[in-house]
N, C-alpha and C. Protein backbone atom coordinates (compact mmCIF):
# COMPACT_ATOMS: atom_id res chain seq x y z
N MET A 1 -17.61 79.59 89.52
CA MET A 1 -17.29 78.42 88.74
C MET A 1 -16.02 78.65 87.94
N MET A 2 -15.88 79.82 87.37
CA MET A 2 -14.69 80.10 86.56
C MET A 2 -13.43 80.11 87.42
N GLN A 3 -13.51 80.62 88.64
CA GLN A 3 -12.34 80.64 89.50
C GLN A 3 -11.92 79.21 89.84
N ALA A 4 -12.88 78.37 90.17
CA ALA A 4 -12.56 76.97 90.46
C ALA A 4 -11.98 76.29 89.23
N PHE A 5 -12.50 76.62 88.07
CA PHE A 5 -11.98 76.05 86.82
C PHE A 5 -10.54 76.49 86.58
N ARG A 6 -10.26 77.77 86.77
CA ARG A 6 -8.91 78.28 86.54
C ARG A 6 -7.90 77.68 87.52
N GLU A 7 -8.34 77.44 88.75
CA GLU A 7 -7.45 76.85 89.74
C GLU A 7 -7.11 75.40 89.42
N ARG A 8 -7.96 74.74 88.65
CA ARG A 8 -7.76 73.33 88.36
C ARG A 8 -7.21 73.08 86.96
N ILE A 9 -6.74 74.09 86.28
CA ILE A 9 -6.19 73.90 84.93
C ILE A 9 -5.05 72.87 84.91
N PRO A 10 -4.13 72.86 85.87
CA PRO A 10 -3.10 71.81 85.84
C PRO A 10 -3.68 70.39 85.94
N GLU A 11 -4.75 70.23 86.71
CA GLU A 11 -5.38 68.91 86.80
C GLU A 11 -5.99 68.51 85.46
N PHE A 12 -6.61 69.46 84.79
CA PHE A 12 -7.20 69.17 83.48
C PHE A 12 -6.11 68.85 82.46
N ALA A 13 -4.97 69.51 82.60
CA ALA A 13 -3.85 69.22 81.70
C ALA A 13 -3.37 67.78 81.88
N VAL A 14 -3.36 67.32 83.12
CA VAL A 14 -2.97 65.93 83.37
C VAL A 14 -3.98 64.98 82.75
N LEU A 15 -5.27 65.29 82.91
CA LEU A 15 -6.29 64.45 82.30
C LEU A 15 -6.15 64.40 80.78
N LYS A 16 -5.87 65.55 80.18
CA LYS A 16 -5.69 65.60 78.73
C LYS A 16 -4.45 64.81 78.31
N THR A 17 -3.39 64.88 79.11
CA THR A 17 -2.16 64.15 78.80
C THR A 17 -2.39 62.65 78.87
N VAL A 18 -3.19 62.22 79.84
CA VAL A 18 -3.48 60.80 80.00
C VAL A 18 -4.34 60.28 78.84
N GLY A 19 -5.11 61.16 78.20
CA GLY A 19 -5.88 60.73 77.05
C GLY A 19 -7.36 61.06 77.08
N PHE A 20 -7.80 61.82 78.06
CA PHE A 20 -9.20 62.21 78.11
C PHE A 20 -9.49 63.22 77.01
N SER A 21 -10.69 63.14 76.43
CA SER A 21 -11.06 64.08 75.37
C SER A 21 -11.56 65.39 75.99
N ASP A 22 -11.70 66.41 75.15
CA ASP A 22 -12.22 67.69 75.62
C ASP A 22 -13.63 67.53 76.18
N LEU A 23 -14.44 66.74 75.51
CA LEU A 23 -15.82 66.53 75.95
C LEU A 23 -15.87 65.83 77.31
N THR A 24 -14.98 64.89 77.53
CA THR A 24 -14.95 64.19 78.82
C THR A 24 -14.55 65.13 79.95
N VAL A 25 -13.55 65.95 79.71
CA VAL A 25 -13.12 66.91 80.75
C VAL A 25 -14.24 67.91 81.01
N PHE A 26 -14.91 68.38 79.96
CA PHE A 26 -16.03 69.30 80.10
C PHE A 26 -17.16 68.66 80.89
N THR A 27 -17.43 67.39 80.62
CA THR A 27 -18.48 66.67 81.34
C THR A 27 -18.13 66.51 82.81
N ILE A 28 -16.87 66.26 83.11
CA ILE A 28 -16.43 66.15 84.50
C ILE A 28 -16.65 67.48 85.24
N VAL A 29 -16.30 68.58 84.59
CA VAL A 29 -16.47 69.90 85.20
C VAL A 29 -17.95 70.18 85.47
N LEU A 30 -18.81 69.93 84.47
CA LEU A 30 -20.24 70.18 84.66
C LEU A 30 -20.85 69.25 85.70
N ALA A 31 -20.41 68.01 85.73
CA ALA A 31 -20.95 67.07 86.72
C ALA A 31 -20.59 67.51 88.14
N GLU A 32 -19.35 67.93 88.32
CA GLU A 32 -18.93 68.41 89.65
C GLU A 32 -19.72 69.65 90.06
N PHE A 33 -19.86 70.58 89.14
CA PHE A 33 -20.61 71.81 89.42
C PHE A 33 -22.06 71.48 89.75
N ASN A 34 -22.65 70.58 88.98
CA ASN A 34 -24.05 70.21 89.18
C ASN A 34 -24.24 69.51 90.52
N LEU A 35 -23.33 68.63 90.87
CA LEU A 35 -23.46 67.89 92.13
C LEU A 35 -23.35 68.81 93.34
N THR A 36 -22.36 69.68 93.34
CA THR A 36 -22.20 70.57 94.49
C THR A 36 -23.38 71.52 94.64
N ASN A 37 -23.86 72.04 93.54
CA ASN A 37 -24.99 72.97 93.63
C ASN A 37 -26.30 72.25 93.94
N ARG A 38 -26.44 71.01 93.49
CA ARG A 38 -27.65 70.25 93.82
C ARG A 38 -27.70 69.99 95.32
N CYS A 39 -26.58 69.59 95.90
CA CYS A 39 -26.53 69.36 97.34
C CYS A 39 -26.81 70.64 98.11
N ARG A 40 -26.27 71.73 97.63
CA ARG A 40 -26.48 73.02 98.29
C ARG A 40 -27.95 73.44 98.23
N SER A 41 -28.59 73.29 97.08
CA SER A 41 -29.99 73.71 96.96
C SER A 41 -30.91 72.80 97.77
N ARG A 42 -30.63 71.50 97.80
CA ARG A 42 -31.46 70.60 98.60
C ARG A 42 -31.32 70.88 100.09
N SER A 43 -30.11 71.18 100.52
CA SER A 43 -29.94 71.47 101.94
C SER A 43 -30.65 72.77 102.32
N ARG A 44 -30.64 73.74 101.44
CA ARG A 44 -31.33 75.00 101.74
C ARG A 44 -32.84 74.81 101.79
N LEU A 45 -33.39 73.99 100.89
CA LEU A 45 -34.82 73.71 100.93
C LEU A 45 -35.19 72.93 102.20
N THR A 46 -34.33 72.03 102.63
CA THR A 46 -34.58 71.28 103.86
C THR A 46 -34.54 72.19 105.08
N ILE A 47 -33.58 73.08 105.12
CA ILE A 47 -33.51 74.05 106.23
C ILE A 47 -34.75 74.92 106.25
N ALA A 48 -35.21 75.34 105.08
CA ALA A 48 -36.43 76.15 105.01
C ALA A 48 -37.62 75.38 105.54
N ALA A 49 -37.71 74.09 105.24
CA ALA A 49 -38.83 73.28 105.73
C ALA A 49 -38.81 73.17 107.25
N PHE A 50 -37.63 73.07 107.85
CA PHE A 50 -37.54 72.98 109.30
C PHE A 50 -37.79 74.32 109.99
N LEU A 51 -37.51 75.42 109.29
CA LEU A 51 -37.71 76.74 109.89
C LEU A 51 -39.12 77.29 109.70
N MET A 52 -39.91 76.68 108.83
CA MET A 52 -41.26 77.18 108.59
C MET A 52 -42.14 77.21 109.83
N PRO A 53 -42.12 76.18 110.69
CA PRO A 53 -42.96 76.27 111.90
C PRO A 53 -42.59 77.45 112.79
N LEU A 54 -41.34 77.88 112.77
CA LEU A 54 -40.94 79.03 113.59
C LEU A 54 -41.51 80.33 113.03
N ALA A 55 -41.80 80.35 111.74
CA ALA A 55 -42.33 81.56 111.11
C ALA A 55 -43.85 81.56 111.03
N LYS A 56 -44.50 80.62 111.70
CA LYS A 56 -45.95 80.49 111.62
C LYS A 56 -46.67 81.76 112.04
N ASP A 57 -46.23 82.39 113.10
CA ASP A 57 -46.91 83.59 113.58
C ASP A 57 -46.73 84.77 112.63
N THR A 58 -45.62 84.79 111.92
CA THR A 58 -45.32 85.91 111.02
C THR A 58 -46.03 85.79 109.68
N ILE A 59 -45.95 84.62 109.08
CA ILE A 59 -46.50 84.47 107.72
C ILE A 59 -47.80 83.68 107.65
N GLY A 60 -48.17 83.01 108.74
CA GLY A 60 -49.47 82.35 108.80
C GLY A 60 -49.52 80.92 108.30
N ILE A 61 -48.42 80.39 107.81
CA ILE A 61 -48.41 78.98 107.41
C ILE A 61 -47.31 78.26 108.17
N ALA A 62 -47.55 76.96 108.43
CA ALA A 62 -46.61 76.23 109.28
C ALA A 62 -45.81 75.18 108.54
N HIS A 63 -46.15 74.91 107.31
CA HIS A 63 -45.39 73.89 106.57
C HIS A 63 -45.32 74.27 105.09
N ILE A 64 -44.41 73.62 104.42
CA ILE A 64 -44.23 73.85 102.98
C ILE A 64 -44.86 72.68 102.24
N ARG A 65 -45.70 72.98 101.27
CA ARG A 65 -46.30 71.92 100.46
C ARG A 65 -45.23 71.28 99.57
N PRO A 66 -45.38 70.03 99.23
CA PRO A 66 -44.38 69.34 98.39
C PRO A 66 -44.15 70.00 97.04
N ILE A 67 -45.15 70.64 96.48
CA ILE A 67 -44.99 71.29 95.17
C ILE A 67 -43.98 72.43 95.24
N VAL A 68 -43.85 73.04 96.41
CA VAL A 68 -42.87 74.11 96.58
C VAL A 68 -41.46 73.55 96.47
N PHE A 69 -41.25 72.36 97.00
CA PHE A 69 -39.94 71.71 96.85
C PHE A 69 -39.66 71.41 95.39
N TYR A 70 -40.68 70.97 94.67
CA TYR A 70 -40.51 70.70 93.25
C TYR A 70 -40.13 71.98 92.50
N TYR A 71 -40.88 73.06 92.72
CA TYR A 71 -40.57 74.32 92.04
C TYR A 71 -39.21 74.86 92.46
N GLY A 72 -38.85 74.69 93.72
CA GLY A 72 -37.54 75.12 94.18
C GLY A 72 -36.43 74.34 93.50
N GLY A 73 -36.64 73.04 93.33
CA GLY A 73 -35.66 72.22 92.62
C GLY A 73 -35.53 72.60 91.16
N VAL A 74 -36.67 72.88 90.53
CA VAL A 74 -36.64 73.30 89.11
C VAL A 74 -35.92 74.64 88.97
N CYS A 75 -36.22 75.58 89.85
CA CYS A 75 -35.54 76.89 89.79
C CYS A 75 -34.04 76.73 90.04
N ALA A 76 -33.67 75.89 90.98
CA ALA A 76 -32.24 75.66 91.25
C ALA A 76 -31.57 75.03 90.04
N TYR A 77 -32.26 74.09 89.37
CA TYR A 77 -31.69 73.48 88.17
C TYR A 77 -31.50 74.50 87.06
N LEU A 78 -32.50 75.35 86.85
CA LEU A 78 -32.38 76.38 85.80
C LEU A 78 -31.27 77.37 86.14
N TRP A 79 -31.11 77.66 87.42
CA TRP A 79 -30.03 78.56 87.83
C TRP A 79 -28.67 77.92 87.56
N ARG A 80 -28.54 76.62 87.88
CA ARG A 80 -27.28 75.91 87.60
C ARG A 80 -27.00 75.86 86.11
N LEU A 81 -28.04 75.63 85.32
CA LEU A 81 -27.87 75.56 83.88
C LEU A 81 -27.41 76.90 83.31
N SER A 82 -28.01 77.98 83.78
CA SER A 82 -27.59 79.30 83.28
C SER A 82 -26.18 79.65 83.75
N ALA A 83 -25.82 79.24 84.96
CA ALA A 83 -24.46 79.49 85.44
C ALA A 83 -23.43 78.67 84.68
N ALA A 84 -23.84 77.49 84.22
CA ALA A 84 -22.92 76.67 83.45
C ALA A 84 -22.73 77.22 82.04
N TRP A 85 -23.79 77.75 81.45
CA TRP A 85 -23.69 78.28 80.09
C TRP A 85 -22.99 79.64 80.06
N PHE A 86 -23.20 80.45 81.11
CA PHE A 86 -22.62 81.78 81.16
C PHE A 86 -21.83 81.93 82.45
N PRO A 87 -20.65 81.31 82.57
CA PRO A 87 -19.93 81.29 83.85
C PRO A 87 -19.40 82.65 84.30
N ASP A 88 -19.17 83.57 83.38
CA ASP A 88 -18.65 84.89 83.76
C ASP A 88 -19.75 85.92 83.88
N GLY A 89 -20.99 85.53 83.80
CA GLY A 89 -22.11 86.47 83.88
C GLY A 89 -22.93 86.43 82.61
N ALA A 90 -23.74 87.43 82.44
CA ALA A 90 -24.62 87.49 81.28
C ALA A 90 -23.82 87.67 79.99
N PRO A 91 -24.32 87.11 78.89
CA PRO A 91 -23.59 87.26 77.62
C PRO A 91 -23.64 88.70 77.11
N ASN A 92 -22.60 89.09 76.43
CA ASN A 92 -22.58 90.42 75.82
C ASN A 92 -23.19 90.32 74.43
N GLY A 93 -24.26 91.00 74.24
CA GLY A 93 -24.84 90.87 72.93
C GLY A 93 -25.99 91.69 72.79
C-alpha cells in the first residue's frame, strides 16, 4: 500500500491543488485500497468454493458452509483494516 501511495504522490498533489482536503484525499486512498482488497478476497473465497469438491477425498467435505464465507469476509476486512492503520508493518512500541 505504501509503495502505491508513494507512486501516486504527484496525483495527490494535483488533487490538493484543485482544492481537495487532506481528509478527502485520505478517504480516496482508503476507498481504493478497500475496494481492490475486497474484490481480491471475494475472488479467493469463490475459487476455494469451486475447488472444494476436488478436495473431497483428501479432507472429507465437499462444500463450504455459508458461515465460512462470512468468517472469511470478516477476517479479510480485519486484515485490510490493520494494513490501512499500519501500512509499513507492525507499530514500533
